[in-house]
């Protein structure tokens, strides 16, 4: 694991196809337990999200806040994962995204965002968005935000281009990032997997989802 604070520099930077910011800074108040390190198969909820990003050739940037030391320890020995601390994590998820966006390793190229409570997120979703990015580049189209979607419903991950990321610092910390992104140019990329919607917020949702993976 490469570990940096939000006023420090990046860790090691192996060649990657892009970066994925994984906000994991909150208290998980509705869950009644702290979500990032809850078991998920042979990993954890947050670990599964990082693994999906890695499978697509991306560099995960996990943004910690509450219990940051425990999250950093969980990724110790994994140099392919960067953990960064959002000191103002109580002000909302937007601040965590901004911390990830401000790191030199993501500056100038844009990045993906995938919440840490979506362990069913498929690596295919990243692949589909990467393919659309390649197409836009080949055809010389303007940069825009890309959302994974299914049947018209928007999910995760989300690709935020550098041109949009540079303006995040001016937003109110309490503002919803998605509302801001939808007010700018964006496109939806179809992904045939409901895992792009499955965030786990309550004990009931977690138990039901965990039982499903045991039977698959």
N, C-alpha and C. Protein backbone atom coordinates (compact mmCIF):
# COMPACT_ATOMS: atom_id res chain seq x y z
N UNK A 1 0.84 -1.19 0.00
CA UNK A 1 0.00 0.00 0.00
C UNK A 1 0.87 1.24 0.00
N UNK A 2 0.52 2.21 -0.82
CA UNK A 2 1.14 3.52 -0.75
C UNK A 2 0.22 4.41 0.06
N UNK A 3 0.74 5.05 1.12
CA UNK A 3 -0.09 5.84 2.03
C UNK A 3 0.37 7.28 1.99
N UNK A 4 -0.57 8.20 1.75
CA UNK A 4 -0.23 9.62 1.75
C UNK A 4 -1.30 10.36 2.52
N UNK A 5 -0.93 11.54 3.08
CA UNK A 5 -1.91 12.40 3.71
C UNK A 5 -2.36 13.41 2.66
N UNK A 6 -3.40 14.18 2.95
CA UNK A 6 -3.95 15.02 1.90
C UNK A 6 -3.12 16.25 1.60
N UNK A 7 -2.02 16.46 2.35
CA UNK A 7 -1.11 17.54 2.00
C UNK A 7 0.25 16.98 1.56
N UNK A 8 0.29 15.69 1.27
CA UNK A 8 1.55 15.07 0.88
C UNK A 8 1.56 14.73 -0.60
N UNK A 9 2.60 14.03 -1.00
CA UNK A 9 2.73 13.64 -2.40
C UNK A 9 2.21 12.25 -2.63
N UNK A 10 2.20 11.82 -3.87
CA UNK A 10 1.66 10.51 -4.19
C UNK A 10 2.63 9.40 -3.83
N UNK A 11 2.12 8.20 -3.77
CA UNK A 11 2.98 7.04 -3.55
C UNK A 11 3.55 6.56 -4.87
N UNK A 12 3.95 5.31 -4.90
CA UNK A 12 4.53 4.76 -6.12
C UNK A 12 3.49 4.73 -7.22
N UNK A 13 3.93 4.91 -8.47
CA UNK A 13 3.00 5.04 -9.58
C UNK A 13 3.36 4.08 -10.71
N UNK A 14 2.94 2.83 -10.61
CA UNK A 14 3.18 1.91 -11.71
C UNK A 14 2.33 2.29 -12.90
N UNK A 15 2.69 1.84 -14.10
CA UNK A 15 1.88 2.16 -15.28
C UNK A 15 0.46 1.64 -15.10
N UNK A 16 -0.52 2.51 -15.32
CA UNK A 16 -1.92 2.14 -15.17
C UNK A 16 -2.72 2.77 -16.30
N UNK A 17 -3.96 2.29 -16.46
CA UNK A 17 -4.85 2.83 -17.48
C UNK A 17 -5.58 4.07 -16.97
N UNK A 18 -5.55 4.30 -15.69
CA UNK A 18 -6.25 5.42 -15.09
C UNK A 18 -6.32 5.23 -13.58
N UNK A 19 -7.06 6.10 -12.91
CA UNK A 19 -7.16 6.08 -11.47
C UNK A 19 -8.62 6.03 -11.05
N UNK A 20 -8.86 5.39 -9.93
CA UNK A 20 -10.22 5.28 -9.40
C UNK A 20 -10.23 5.75 -7.96
N UNK A 21 -10.92 6.86 -7.69
CA UNK A 21 -11.07 7.38 -6.33
C UNK A 21 -12.21 6.62 -5.65
N UNK A 22 -11.91 6.05 -4.49
CA UNK A 22 -12.89 5.25 -3.74
C UNK A 22 -13.13 5.93 -2.40
N UNK A 23 -14.18 6.75 -2.28
CA UNK A 23 -14.47 7.40 -1.01
C UNK A 23 -14.86 6.37 0.05
N UNK A 24 -14.15 6.37 1.16
CA UNK A 24 -14.39 5.40 2.23
C UNK A 24 -14.20 6.07 3.59
N UNK A 25 -14.65 7.33 3.70
CA UNK A 25 -14.30 8.13 4.86
C UNK A 25 -15.39 8.24 5.91
N UNK A 26 -16.62 7.82 5.62
CA UNK A 26 -17.73 8.06 6.51
C UNK A 26 -17.84 7.09 7.68
N UNK A 27 -18.82 7.37 8.55
CA UNK A 27 -19.03 6.57 9.76
C UNK A 27 -19.87 5.32 9.52
N UNK A 28 -20.58 5.24 8.40
CA UNK A 28 -21.50 4.12 8.13
C UNK A 28 -22.61 4.06 9.18
N UNK A 29 -23.22 5.20 9.49
CA UNK A 29 -24.17 5.28 10.60
C UNK A 29 -25.40 4.41 10.39
N UNK A 30 -25.89 4.29 9.16
CA UNK A 30 -27.08 3.48 8.93
C UNK A 30 -26.80 1.98 9.01
N UNK A 31 -25.56 1.59 8.78
CA UNK A 31 -25.21 0.18 8.81
C UNK A 31 -25.15 -0.36 10.24
N UNK A 32 -24.80 0.50 11.19
CA UNK A 32 -24.64 0.03 12.56
C UNK A 32 -23.30 -0.63 12.78
N UNK A 33 -22.49 -0.70 11.76
CA UNK A 33 -21.12 -1.21 11.82
C UNK A 33 -20.36 -0.47 10.73
N UNK A 34 -19.06 -0.49 10.81
CA UNK A 34 -18.27 0.27 9.84
C UNK A 34 -18.12 -0.52 8.55
N UNK A 35 -18.67 0.02 7.46
CA UNK A 35 -18.79 -0.74 6.21
C UNK A 35 -17.48 -1.14 5.54
N UNK A 36 -16.49 -0.26 5.40
CA UNK A 36 -15.35 -0.59 4.55
C UNK A 36 -14.70 -1.93 4.82
N UNK A 37 -14.61 -2.32 6.11
CA UNK A 37 -13.89 -3.55 6.44
C UNK A 37 -14.80 -4.71 6.82
N UNK A 38 -16.09 -4.59 6.54
CA UNK A 38 -16.97 -5.75 6.73
C UNK A 38 -16.57 -6.84 5.74
N UNK A 39 -16.64 -8.10 6.15
CA UNK A 39 -16.22 -9.20 5.26
C UNK A 39 -17.05 -9.25 3.98
N UNK A 40 -16.36 -9.58 2.90
CA UNK A 40 -17.02 -9.78 1.60
C UNK A 40 -16.27 -10.88 0.87
N UNK A 41 -16.80 -12.08 0.90
CA UNK A 41 -16.08 -13.20 0.31
C UNK A 41 -14.74 -13.38 1.02
N UNK A 42 -13.67 -13.41 0.25
CA UNK A 42 -12.33 -13.53 0.82
C UNK A 42 -11.69 -12.17 1.09
N UNK A 43 -12.46 -11.11 0.88
CA UNK A 43 -11.93 -9.76 1.04
C UNK A 43 -12.82 -8.98 1.99
N UNK A 44 -12.94 -7.69 1.76
CA UNK A 44 -13.82 -6.80 2.51
C UNK A 44 -14.64 -6.02 1.50
N UNK A 45 -15.63 -5.27 1.99
CA UNK A 45 -16.46 -4.48 1.08
C UNK A 45 -15.60 -3.51 0.28
N UNK A 46 -14.76 -2.75 0.97
CA UNK A 46 -13.90 -1.78 0.27
C UNK A 46 -12.86 -2.50 -0.60
N UNK A 47 -12.34 -3.61 -0.09
CA UNK A 47 -11.35 -4.36 -0.85
C UNK A 47 -11.91 -4.88 -2.16
N UNK A 48 -13.19 -5.27 -2.16
CA UNK A 48 -13.81 -5.76 -3.39
C UNK A 48 -13.92 -4.66 -4.44
N UNK A 49 -14.22 -3.44 -4.00
CA UNK A 49 -14.28 -2.32 -4.95
C UNK A 49 -12.89 -2.05 -5.53
N UNK A 50 -11.89 -2.04 -4.68
CA UNK A 50 -10.52 -1.84 -5.16
C UNK A 50 -10.11 -2.93 -6.13
N UNK A 51 -10.50 -4.17 -5.84
CA UNK A 51 -10.13 -5.28 -6.72
C UNK A 51 -10.81 -5.16 -8.09
N UNK A 52 -12.05 -4.66 -8.12
CA UNK A 52 -12.73 -4.47 -9.40
C UNK A 52 -12.00 -3.43 -10.25
N UNK A 53 -11.54 -2.37 -9.60
CA UNK A 53 -10.78 -1.35 -10.32
C UNK A 53 -9.45 -1.91 -10.82
N UNK A 54 -8.78 -2.67 -9.97
CA UNK A 54 -7.51 -3.26 -10.36
C UNK A 54 -7.67 -4.22 -11.54
N UNK A 55 -8.76 -4.99 -11.55
CA UNK A 55 -8.99 -5.95 -12.63
C UNK A 55 -9.14 -5.25 -13.97
N UNK A 56 -9.54 -3.98 -13.94
CA UNK A 56 -9.67 -3.20 -15.17
C UNK A 56 -8.40 -2.42 -15.49
N UNK A 57 -7.34 -2.66 -14.73
CA UNK A 57 -6.07 -1.99 -14.99
C UNK A 57 -5.96 -0.61 -14.40
N UNK A 58 -6.79 -0.30 -13.41
CA UNK A 58 -6.79 1.02 -12.79
C UNK A 58 -6.02 1.02 -11.48
N UNK A 59 -5.62 2.19 -11.03
CA UNK A 59 -4.97 2.37 -9.73
C UNK A 59 -6.00 2.85 -8.72
N UNK A 60 -6.36 2.05 -7.71
CA UNK A 60 -7.33 2.50 -6.71
C UNK A 60 -6.72 3.54 -5.76
N UNK A 61 -7.46 4.60 -5.49
CA UNK A 61 -7.08 5.62 -4.51
C UNK A 61 -8.19 5.64 -3.46
N UNK A 62 -7.96 4.97 -2.34
CA UNK A 62 -8.95 4.87 -1.27
C UNK A 62 -8.82 6.10 -0.38
N UNK A 63 -9.93 6.83 -0.21
CA UNK A 63 -9.91 8.04 0.61
C UNK A 63 -10.50 7.72 1.97
N UNK A 64 -9.65 7.76 2.99
CA UNK A 64 -10.03 7.42 4.35
C UNK A 64 -10.33 8.68 5.15
N UNK A 65 -11.04 8.50 6.26
CA UNK A 65 -11.33 9.59 7.18
C UNK A 65 -11.56 9.04 8.56
N UNK A 66 -12.78 8.64 8.84
CA UNK A 66 -13.12 7.96 10.09
C UNK A 66 -12.35 6.63 10.15
N UNK A 67 -11.68 6.39 11.25
CA UNK A 67 -10.88 5.18 11.46
C UNK A 67 -9.87 4.97 10.32
N UNK A 68 -9.23 6.06 9.93
CA UNK A 68 -8.30 6.02 8.80
C UNK A 68 -7.15 5.05 9.02
N UNK A 69 -6.65 4.98 10.25
CA UNK A 69 -5.53 4.09 10.51
C UNK A 69 -5.86 2.64 10.25
N UNK A 70 -7.09 2.24 10.58
CA UNK A 70 -7.50 0.85 10.35
C UNK A 70 -7.60 0.55 8.86
N UNK A 71 -8.11 1.52 8.11
CA UNK A 71 -8.22 1.31 6.68
C UNK A 71 -6.84 1.22 6.04
N UNK A 72 -5.92 2.07 6.48
CA UNK A 72 -4.56 2.01 5.96
C UNK A 72 -3.91 0.68 6.28
N UNK A 73 -4.13 0.18 7.49
CA UNK A 73 -3.55 -1.11 7.88
C UNK A 73 -4.12 -2.24 7.04
N UNK A 74 -5.40 -2.14 6.69
CA UNK A 74 -6.03 -3.20 5.90
C UNK A 74 -5.41 -3.34 4.53
N UNK A 75 -4.87 -2.25 4.00
CA UNK A 75 -4.25 -2.29 2.68
C UNK A 75 -2.73 -2.33 2.75
N UNK A 76 -2.19 -2.54 3.93
CA UNK A 76 -0.73 -2.61 4.05
C UNK A 76 -0.21 -3.80 3.24
N UNK A 77 0.92 -3.64 2.65
CA UNK A 77 1.48 -4.70 1.81
C UNK A 77 0.91 -4.75 0.41
N UNK A 78 0.08 -3.79 0.05
CA UNK A 78 -0.50 -3.75 -1.30
C UNK A 78 -0.05 -2.46 -2.01
N UNK A 79 1.11 -2.45 -2.64
CA UNK A 79 1.63 -1.22 -3.26
C UNK A 79 0.78 -0.73 -4.42
N UNK A 80 -0.12 -1.57 -4.92
CA UNK A 80 -0.96 -1.16 -6.04
C UNK A 80 -2.14 -0.30 -5.60
N UNK A 81 -2.32 -0.13 -4.29
CA UNK A 81 -3.42 0.67 -3.74
C UNK A 81 -2.85 1.86 -2.97
N UNK A 82 -3.36 3.04 -3.27
CA UNK A 82 -2.98 4.25 -2.53
C UNK A 82 -4.09 4.58 -1.55
N UNK A 83 -3.72 4.89 -0.31
CA UNK A 83 -4.68 5.36 0.69
C UNK A 83 -4.32 6.80 1.05
N UNK A 84 -5.30 7.68 0.99
CA UNK A 84 -5.09 9.09 1.30
C UNK A 84 -6.12 9.51 2.34
N UNK A 85 -5.76 10.45 3.20
CA UNK A 85 -6.64 10.87 4.29
C UNK A 85 -7.34 12.18 3.96
N UNK A 86 -8.65 12.18 4.14
CA UNK A 86 -9.45 13.41 4.07
C UNK A 86 -9.68 13.88 5.50
N UNK A 87 -9.00 14.91 5.91
CA UNK A 87 -9.11 15.38 7.28
C UNK A 87 -10.48 15.97 7.60
N UNK A 88 -11.17 16.47 6.58
CA UNK A 88 -12.49 17.07 6.78
C UNK A 88 -13.59 16.12 6.33
N UNK A 89 -13.43 14.84 6.61
CA UNK A 89 -14.36 13.84 6.10
C UNK A 89 -15.79 14.02 6.57
N UNK A 90 -15.98 14.67 7.73
CA UNK A 90 -17.34 14.84 8.25
C UNK A 90 -18.17 15.82 7.44
N UNK A 91 -17.55 16.54 6.52
CA UNK A 91 -18.28 17.52 5.72
C UNK A 91 -18.93 16.89 4.48
N UNK A 92 -18.69 15.60 4.24
CA UNK A 92 -19.39 14.95 3.14
C UNK A 92 -18.48 14.29 2.13
N UNK A 93 -19.10 13.47 1.26
CA UNK A 93 -18.34 12.69 0.29
C UNK A 93 -17.64 13.56 -0.75
N UNK A 94 -18.25 14.70 -1.10
CA UNK A 94 -17.62 15.55 -2.11
C UNK A 94 -16.20 15.91 -1.72
N UNK A 95 -15.98 16.18 -0.42
CA UNK A 95 -14.63 16.51 0.03
C UNK A 95 -13.67 15.38 -0.20
N UNK A 96 -14.11 14.14 -0.03
CA UNK A 96 -13.24 12.99 -0.26
C UNK A 96 -12.89 12.87 -1.74
N UNK A 97 -13.86 13.11 -2.59
CA UNK A 97 -13.58 13.08 -4.03
C UNK A 97 -12.58 14.16 -4.40
N UNK A 98 -12.73 15.33 -3.79
CA UNK A 98 -11.81 16.43 -4.10
C UNK A 98 -10.39 16.10 -3.64
N UNK A 99 -10.27 15.44 -2.49
CA UNK A 99 -8.93 15.03 -2.03
C UNK A 99 -8.29 14.10 -3.05
N UNK A 100 -9.04 13.09 -3.51
CA UNK A 100 -8.50 12.18 -4.51
C UNK A 100 -8.16 12.89 -5.80
N UNK A 101 -9.00 13.84 -6.20
CA UNK A 101 -8.78 14.57 -7.45
C UNK A 101 -7.57 15.49 -7.38
N UNK A 102 -7.20 15.91 -6.16
CA UNK A 102 -6.10 16.87 -6.02
C UNK A 102 -4.73 16.22 -6.02
N UNK A 103 -4.68 14.89 -5.92
CA UNK A 103 -3.38 14.23 -5.91
C UNK A 103 -2.70 14.36 -7.26
N UNK A 104 -1.40 14.56 -7.27
CA UNK A 104 -0.68 14.66 -8.55
C UNK A 104 -0.90 13.45 -9.44
N UNK A 105 -1.12 12.26 -8.87
CA UNK A 105 -1.25 11.07 -9.70
C UNK A 105 -2.51 11.09 -10.55
N UNK A 106 -3.53 11.87 -10.18
CA UNK A 106 -4.75 11.93 -10.98
C UNK A 106 -4.90 13.27 -11.70
N UNK A 107 -4.07 14.23 -11.37
CA UNK A 107 -4.21 15.56 -11.93
C UNK A 107 -3.91 15.57 -13.43
N UNK A 108 -4.78 16.20 -14.18
CA UNK A 108 -4.53 16.40 -15.60
C UNK A 108 -5.06 15.31 -16.50
N UNK A 109 -5.52 14.18 -15.93
CA UNK A 109 -6.00 13.10 -16.78
C UNK A 109 -7.42 12.66 -16.45
N UNK A 110 -7.99 13.19 -15.36
CA UNK A 110 -9.31 12.74 -14.94
C UNK A 110 -9.22 11.46 -14.13
N UNK A 111 -10.37 10.98 -13.67
CA UNK A 111 -10.36 9.80 -12.80
C UNK A 111 -11.77 9.22 -12.71
N UNK A 112 -11.84 7.97 -12.26
CA UNK A 112 -13.10 7.32 -11.94
C UNK A 112 -13.45 7.56 -10.48
N UNK A 113 -14.75 7.50 -10.18
CA UNK A 113 -15.22 7.48 -8.79
C UNK A 113 -16.09 6.25 -8.60
N UNK A 114 -15.81 5.49 -7.53
CA UNK A 114 -16.62 4.32 -7.19
C UNK A 114 -16.72 4.26 -5.67
N UNK A 115 -17.91 4.40 -5.10
CA UNK A 115 -18.04 4.38 -3.64
C UNK A 115 -17.56 3.07 -3.03
N UNK A 116 -17.07 3.16 -1.80
CA UNK A 116 -16.48 1.99 -1.13
C UNK A 116 -17.51 0.99 -0.66
N UNK A 117 -18.81 1.31 -0.77
CA UNK A 117 -19.84 0.38 -0.29
C UNK A 117 -20.56 -0.34 -1.43
N UNK A 118 -19.86 -0.52 -2.56
CA UNK A 118 -20.45 -1.19 -3.72
C UNK A 118 -19.61 -2.41 -4.11
N UNK A 119 -19.57 -3.45 -3.28
CA UNK A 119 -18.68 -4.58 -3.53
C UNK A 119 -19.07 -5.44 -4.72
N UNK A 120 -20.29 -5.28 -5.24
CA UNK A 120 -20.71 -6.05 -6.42
C UNK A 120 -20.40 -5.33 -7.72
N UNK A 121 -19.75 -4.18 -7.63
CA UNK A 121 -19.42 -3.42 -8.83
C UNK A 121 -18.55 -4.26 -9.76
N UNK A 122 -18.97 -4.46 -11.01
CA UNK A 122 -18.20 -5.33 -11.91
C UNK A 122 -17.05 -4.59 -12.59
N UNK A 123 -15.94 -5.27 -12.79
CA UNK A 123 -14.83 -4.65 -13.52
C UNK A 123 -15.25 -4.31 -14.94
N UNK A 124 -16.25 -5.05 -15.47
CA UNK A 124 -16.75 -4.76 -16.82
C UNK A 124 -17.24 -3.32 -16.94
N UNK A 125 -17.80 -2.77 -15.85
CA UNK A 125 -18.29 -1.40 -15.90
C UNK A 125 -17.15 -0.42 -16.19
N UNK A 126 -16.02 -0.63 -15.53
CA UNK A 126 -14.85 0.21 -15.82
C UNK A 126 -14.40 0.01 -17.27
N UNK A 127 -14.39 -1.24 -17.71
CA UNK A 127 -13.95 -1.54 -19.08
C UNK A 127 -14.83 -0.83 -20.10
N UNK A 128 -16.14 -0.85 -19.88
CA UNK A 128 -17.04 -0.21 -20.83
C UNK A 128 -16.80 1.30 -20.90
N UNK A 129 -16.58 1.92 -19.74
CA UNK A 129 -16.31 3.36 -19.74
C UNK A 129 -14.96 3.67 -20.37
N UNK A 130 -13.97 2.82 -20.11
CA UNK A 130 -12.66 3.02 -20.74
C UNK A 130 -12.77 2.91 -22.25
N UNK A 131 -13.59 1.98 -22.73
CA UNK A 131 -13.79 1.85 -24.16
C UNK A 131 -14.43 3.09 -24.76
N UNK A 132 -15.38 3.67 -24.04
CA UNK A 132 -16.02 4.89 -24.53
C UNK A 132 -15.03 6.06 -24.51
N UNK A 133 -14.17 6.11 -23.51
CA UNK A 133 -13.13 7.14 -23.48
C UNK A 133 -12.21 7.02 -24.69
N UNK A 134 -11.84 5.78 -25.03
CA UNK A 134 -11.00 5.57 -26.21
C UNK A 134 -11.70 6.06 -27.47
N UNK A 135 -12.99 5.76 -27.58
CA UNK A 135 -13.75 6.17 -28.76
C UNK A 135 -13.81 7.70 -28.86
N UNK A 136 -14.10 8.36 -27.74
CA UNK A 136 -14.17 9.81 -27.75
C UNK A 136 -12.84 10.42 -28.17
N UNK A 137 -11.74 9.82 -27.68
CA UNK A 137 -10.43 10.33 -28.06
C UNK A 137 -10.14 10.15 -29.53
N UNK A 138 -10.46 8.96 -30.06
CA UNK A 138 -10.21 8.69 -31.48
C UNK A 138 -11.00 9.62 -32.39
N UNK A 139 -12.21 9.93 -31.98
CA UNK A 139 -13.08 10.74 -32.82
C UNK A 139 -12.99 12.22 -32.51
N UNK A 140 -12.11 12.59 -31.60
CA UNK A 140 -11.86 14.00 -31.30
C UNK A 140 -13.03 14.70 -30.65
N UNK A 141 -13.87 13.97 -29.92
CA UNK A 141 -15.01 14.59 -29.27
C UNK A 141 -14.59 15.24 -27.95
N UNK A 142 -15.36 16.22 -27.53
CA UNK A 142 -15.04 16.97 -26.32
C UNK A 142 -15.15 16.08 -25.08
N UNK A 143 -14.31 16.36 -24.10
CA UNK A 143 -14.35 15.62 -22.84
C UNK A 143 -15.68 15.83 -22.14
N UNK A 144 -16.17 14.78 -21.49
CA UNK A 144 -17.42 14.86 -20.76
C UNK A 144 -17.41 13.82 -19.65
N UNK A 145 -18.29 14.00 -18.68
CA UNK A 145 -18.48 13.01 -17.63
C UNK A 145 -19.17 11.78 -18.22
N UNK A 146 -18.77 10.59 -17.78
CA UNK A 146 -19.39 9.35 -18.23
C UNK A 146 -19.94 8.60 -17.03
N UNK A 147 -21.19 8.16 -17.14
CA UNK A 147 -21.84 7.35 -16.11
C UNK A 147 -22.08 5.94 -16.63
N UNK A 148 -21.80 4.94 -15.82
CA UNK A 148 -22.30 3.60 -16.12
C UNK A 148 -23.81 3.63 -15.94
N UNK A 149 -24.54 2.93 -16.82
CA UNK A 149 -25.99 2.95 -16.73
C UNK A 149 -26.56 1.62 -17.19
N UNK A 150 -27.82 1.41 -16.84
CA UNK A 150 -28.55 0.24 -17.35
C UNK A 150 -30.01 0.63 -17.51
N UNK A 151 -30.52 0.45 -18.72
CA UNK A 151 -31.92 0.75 -19.03
C UNK A 151 -32.29 2.18 -18.61
N UNK A 152 -31.39 3.11 -18.85
CA UNK A 152 -31.68 4.51 -18.57
C UNK A 152 -31.42 4.97 -17.15
N UNK A 153 -31.06 4.06 -16.27
CA UNK A 153 -30.78 4.41 -14.87
C UNK A 153 -29.28 4.55 -14.67
N UNK A 154 -28.85 5.66 -14.08
CA UNK A 154 -27.43 5.92 -13.89
C UNK A 154 -26.91 5.26 -12.63
N UNK A 155 -25.71 4.70 -12.72
CA UNK A 155 -25.08 4.06 -11.57
C UNK A 155 -23.62 4.46 -11.46
N UNK A 156 -22.80 3.54 -10.98
CA UNK A 156 -21.35 3.73 -10.84
C UNK A 156 -20.62 2.62 -11.59
N UNK A 157 -19.38 2.89 -11.96
CA UNK A 157 -18.55 4.05 -11.66
C UNK A 157 -18.90 5.25 -12.53
N UNK A 158 -18.29 6.37 -12.19
CA UNK A 158 -18.42 7.60 -12.95
C UNK A 158 -17.02 8.05 -13.35
N UNK A 159 -16.87 8.46 -14.61
CA UNK A 159 -15.61 9.03 -15.06
C UNK A 159 -15.75 10.55 -15.06
N UNK A 160 -14.81 11.24 -14.38
CA UNK A 160 -14.80 12.69 -14.32
C UNK A 160 -13.55 13.19 -15.04
N UNK A 161 -13.71 13.88 -16.17
CA UNK A 161 -12.54 14.36 -16.91
C UNK A 161 -11.82 15.48 -16.17
N UNK A 162 -10.58 15.70 -16.53
CA UNK A 162 -9.78 16.71 -15.86
C UNK A 162 -10.42 18.09 -15.96
N UNK A 163 -11.06 18.36 -17.09
CA UNK A 163 -11.69 19.66 -17.29
C UNK A 163 -12.80 19.92 -16.27
N UNK A 164 -13.45 18.87 -15.82
CA UNK A 164 -14.49 18.99 -14.80
C UNK A 164 -13.88 18.94 -13.40
N UNK A 165 -12.91 18.06 -13.21
CA UNK A 165 -12.28 17.91 -11.90
C UNK A 165 -11.67 19.21 -11.40
N UNK A 166 -11.16 20.02 -12.31
CA UNK A 166 -10.49 21.25 -11.92
C UNK A 166 -11.46 22.23 -11.26
N UNK A 167 -12.77 22.08 -11.49
CA UNK A 167 -13.74 22.99 -10.91
C UNK A 167 -14.37 22.51 -9.62
N UNK A 168 -13.99 21.32 -9.15
CA UNK A 168 -14.63 20.77 -7.95
C UNK A 168 -14.29 21.56 -6.69
N UNK A 169 -13.12 22.19 -6.68
CA UNK A 169 -12.70 22.93 -5.49
C UNK A 169 -13.59 24.12 -5.16
N UNK A 170 -14.34 24.61 -6.13
CA UNK A 170 -15.19 25.78 -5.89
C UNK A 170 -16.58 25.40 -5.36
N UNK A 171 -16.90 24.12 -5.28
CA UNK A 171 -18.22 23.69 -4.86
C UNK A 171 -18.36 23.72 -3.34
N UNK A 172 -19.58 23.95 -2.88
CA UNK A 172 -19.87 23.86 -1.45
C UNK A 172 -19.70 22.42 -1.00
N UNK A 173 -19.05 22.18 0.14
CA UNK A 173 -18.81 20.79 0.59
C UNK A 173 -20.08 19.97 0.75
N UNK A 174 -21.20 20.63 1.00
CA UNK A 174 -22.44 19.90 1.19
C UNK A 174 -23.19 19.61 -0.10
N UNK A 175 -22.67 20.08 -1.20
CA UNK A 175 -23.35 19.87 -2.48
C UNK A 175 -23.21 18.43 -2.93
N UNK A 176 -24.26 17.92 -3.60
CA UNK A 176 -24.19 16.56 -4.15
C UNK A 176 -23.42 16.59 -5.45
N UNK A 177 -22.40 15.77 -5.53
CA UNK A 177 -21.55 15.75 -6.71
C UNK A 177 -22.34 15.39 -7.95
N UNK A 178 -23.24 14.40 -7.85
CA UNK A 178 -23.98 13.98 -9.04
C UNK A 178 -24.81 15.13 -9.61
N UNK A 179 -25.44 15.92 -8.75
CA UNK A 179 -26.23 17.05 -9.23
C UNK A 179 -25.36 18.01 -10.03
N UNK A 180 -24.15 18.24 -9.54
CA UNK A 180 -23.23 19.13 -10.25
C UNK A 180 -22.84 18.53 -11.61
N UNK A 181 -22.52 17.25 -11.63
CA UNK A 181 -22.09 16.62 -12.87
C UNK A 181 -23.19 16.60 -13.91
N UNK A 182 -24.43 16.41 -13.47
CA UNK A 182 -25.54 16.36 -14.42
C UNK A 182 -25.86 17.73 -15.03
N UNK A 183 -25.32 18.78 -14.44
CA UNK A 183 -25.49 20.11 -15.02
C UNK A 183 -24.44 20.44 -16.05
N UNK A 184 -23.52 19.52 -16.30
CA UNK A 184 -22.45 19.69 -17.28
C UNK A 184 -22.60 18.62 -18.37
N UNK A 185 -21.85 18.71 -19.47
CA UNK A 185 -21.97 17.68 -20.51
C UNK A 185 -21.65 16.29 -19.97
N UNK A 186 -22.49 15.31 -20.28
CA UNK A 186 -22.27 13.95 -19.81
C UNK A 186 -22.89 12.96 -20.80
N UNK A 187 -22.48 11.70 -20.67
CA UNK A 187 -23.05 10.62 -21.46
C UNK A 187 -23.21 9.40 -20.57
N UNK A 188 -24.14 8.53 -20.94
CA UNK A 188 -24.35 7.26 -20.23
C UNK A 188 -23.79 6.13 -21.08
N UNK A 189 -23.18 5.16 -20.41
CA UNK A 189 -22.60 3.99 -21.08
C UNK A 189 -23.28 2.75 -20.52
N UNK A 190 -23.92 1.99 -21.39
CA UNK A 190 -24.71 0.84 -20.97
C UNK A 190 -23.82 -0.29 -20.43
N UNK A 191 -24.20 -0.81 -19.27
CA UNK A 191 -23.52 -1.93 -18.64
C UNK A 191 -24.58 -2.94 -18.20
N UNK A 192 -24.46 -4.17 -18.62
CA UNK A 192 -25.49 -5.18 -18.35
C UNK A 192 -25.23 -5.89 -17.02
N UNK A 193 -25.23 -5.13 -15.95
CA UNK A 193 -24.98 -5.71 -14.63
C UNK A 193 -25.57 -4.79 -13.57
N UNK A 194 -26.48 -5.32 -12.75
CA UNK A 194 -27.10 -4.50 -11.71
C UNK A 194 -26.16 -4.15 -10.58
N UNK A 195 -24.94 -4.71 -10.59
CA UNK A 195 -23.96 -4.35 -9.58
C UNK A 195 -23.57 -2.88 -9.61
N UNK A 196 -23.88 -2.19 -10.70
CA UNK A 196 -23.57 -0.76 -10.78
C UNK A 196 -24.48 0.08 -9.90
N UNK A 197 -25.54 -0.55 -9.34
CA UNK A 197 -26.47 0.14 -8.46
C UNK A 197 -26.37 -0.28 -7.00
N UNK A 198 -25.73 -1.40 -6.73
CA UNK A 198 -25.86 -2.07 -5.43
C UNK A 198 -24.93 -1.51 -4.37
N UNK A 199 -25.34 -0.39 -3.74
CA UNK A 199 -24.61 0.09 -2.57
C UNK A 199 -25.27 -0.49 -1.32
N UNK A 200 -24.48 -0.76 -0.30
CA UNK A 200 -24.96 -1.41 0.91
C UNK A 200 -24.99 -0.40 2.05
N UNK A 201 -26.21 -0.06 2.50
CA UNK A 201 -26.36 0.95 3.54
C UNK A 201 -26.88 0.43 4.86
N UNK A 202 -27.58 -0.70 4.84
CA UNK A 202 -28.22 -1.20 6.06
C UNK A 202 -27.77 -2.63 6.35
N UNK A 203 -27.92 -3.09 7.60
CA UNK A 203 -27.58 -4.48 7.91
C UNK A 203 -28.35 -5.48 7.06
N UNK A 204 -29.62 -5.17 6.77
CA UNK A 204 -30.43 -6.08 5.98
C UNK A 204 -29.89 -6.20 4.56
N UNK A 205 -29.50 -5.08 3.98
CA UNK A 205 -28.94 -5.11 2.62
C UNK A 205 -27.62 -5.89 2.60
N UNK A 206 -26.81 -5.68 3.63
CA UNK A 206 -25.53 -6.38 3.69
C UNK A 206 -25.72 -7.88 3.83
N UNK A 207 -26.60 -8.30 4.74
CA UNK A 207 -26.81 -9.73 4.95
C UNK A 207 -27.36 -10.39 3.69
N UNK A 208 -28.30 -9.72 3.02
CA UNK A 208 -28.88 -10.31 1.81
C UNK A 208 -27.84 -10.43 0.71
N UNK A 209 -27.04 -9.38 0.53
CA UNK A 209 -26.01 -9.41 -0.53
C UNK A 209 -24.92 -10.41 -0.21
N UNK A 210 -24.50 -10.49 1.06
CA UNK A 210 -23.45 -11.43 1.44
C UNK A 210 -23.92 -12.87 1.27
N UNK A 211 -25.19 -13.13 1.55
CA UNK A 211 -25.70 -14.49 1.38
C UNK A 211 -25.76 -14.89 -0.09
N UNK A 212 -26.00 -13.93 -0.97
CA UNK A 212 -26.03 -14.23 -2.40
C UNK A 212 -24.68 -14.67 -2.91
N UNK A 213 -23.61 -14.01 -2.46
CA UNK A 213 -22.31 -14.39 -2.99
C UNK A 213 -21.87 -15.76 -2.48
N UNK A 214 -22.42 -16.19 -1.35
CA UNK A 214 -22.09 -17.52 -0.83
C UNK A 214 -22.71 -18.63 -1.68
N UNK A 215 -23.79 -18.30 -2.39
CA UNK A 215 -24.47 -19.31 -3.20
C UNK A 215 -24.11 -19.25 -4.68
N UNK A 216 -23.29 -18.27 -5.05
CA UNK A 216 -22.92 -18.13 -6.47
C UNK A 216 -21.73 -19.03 -6.82
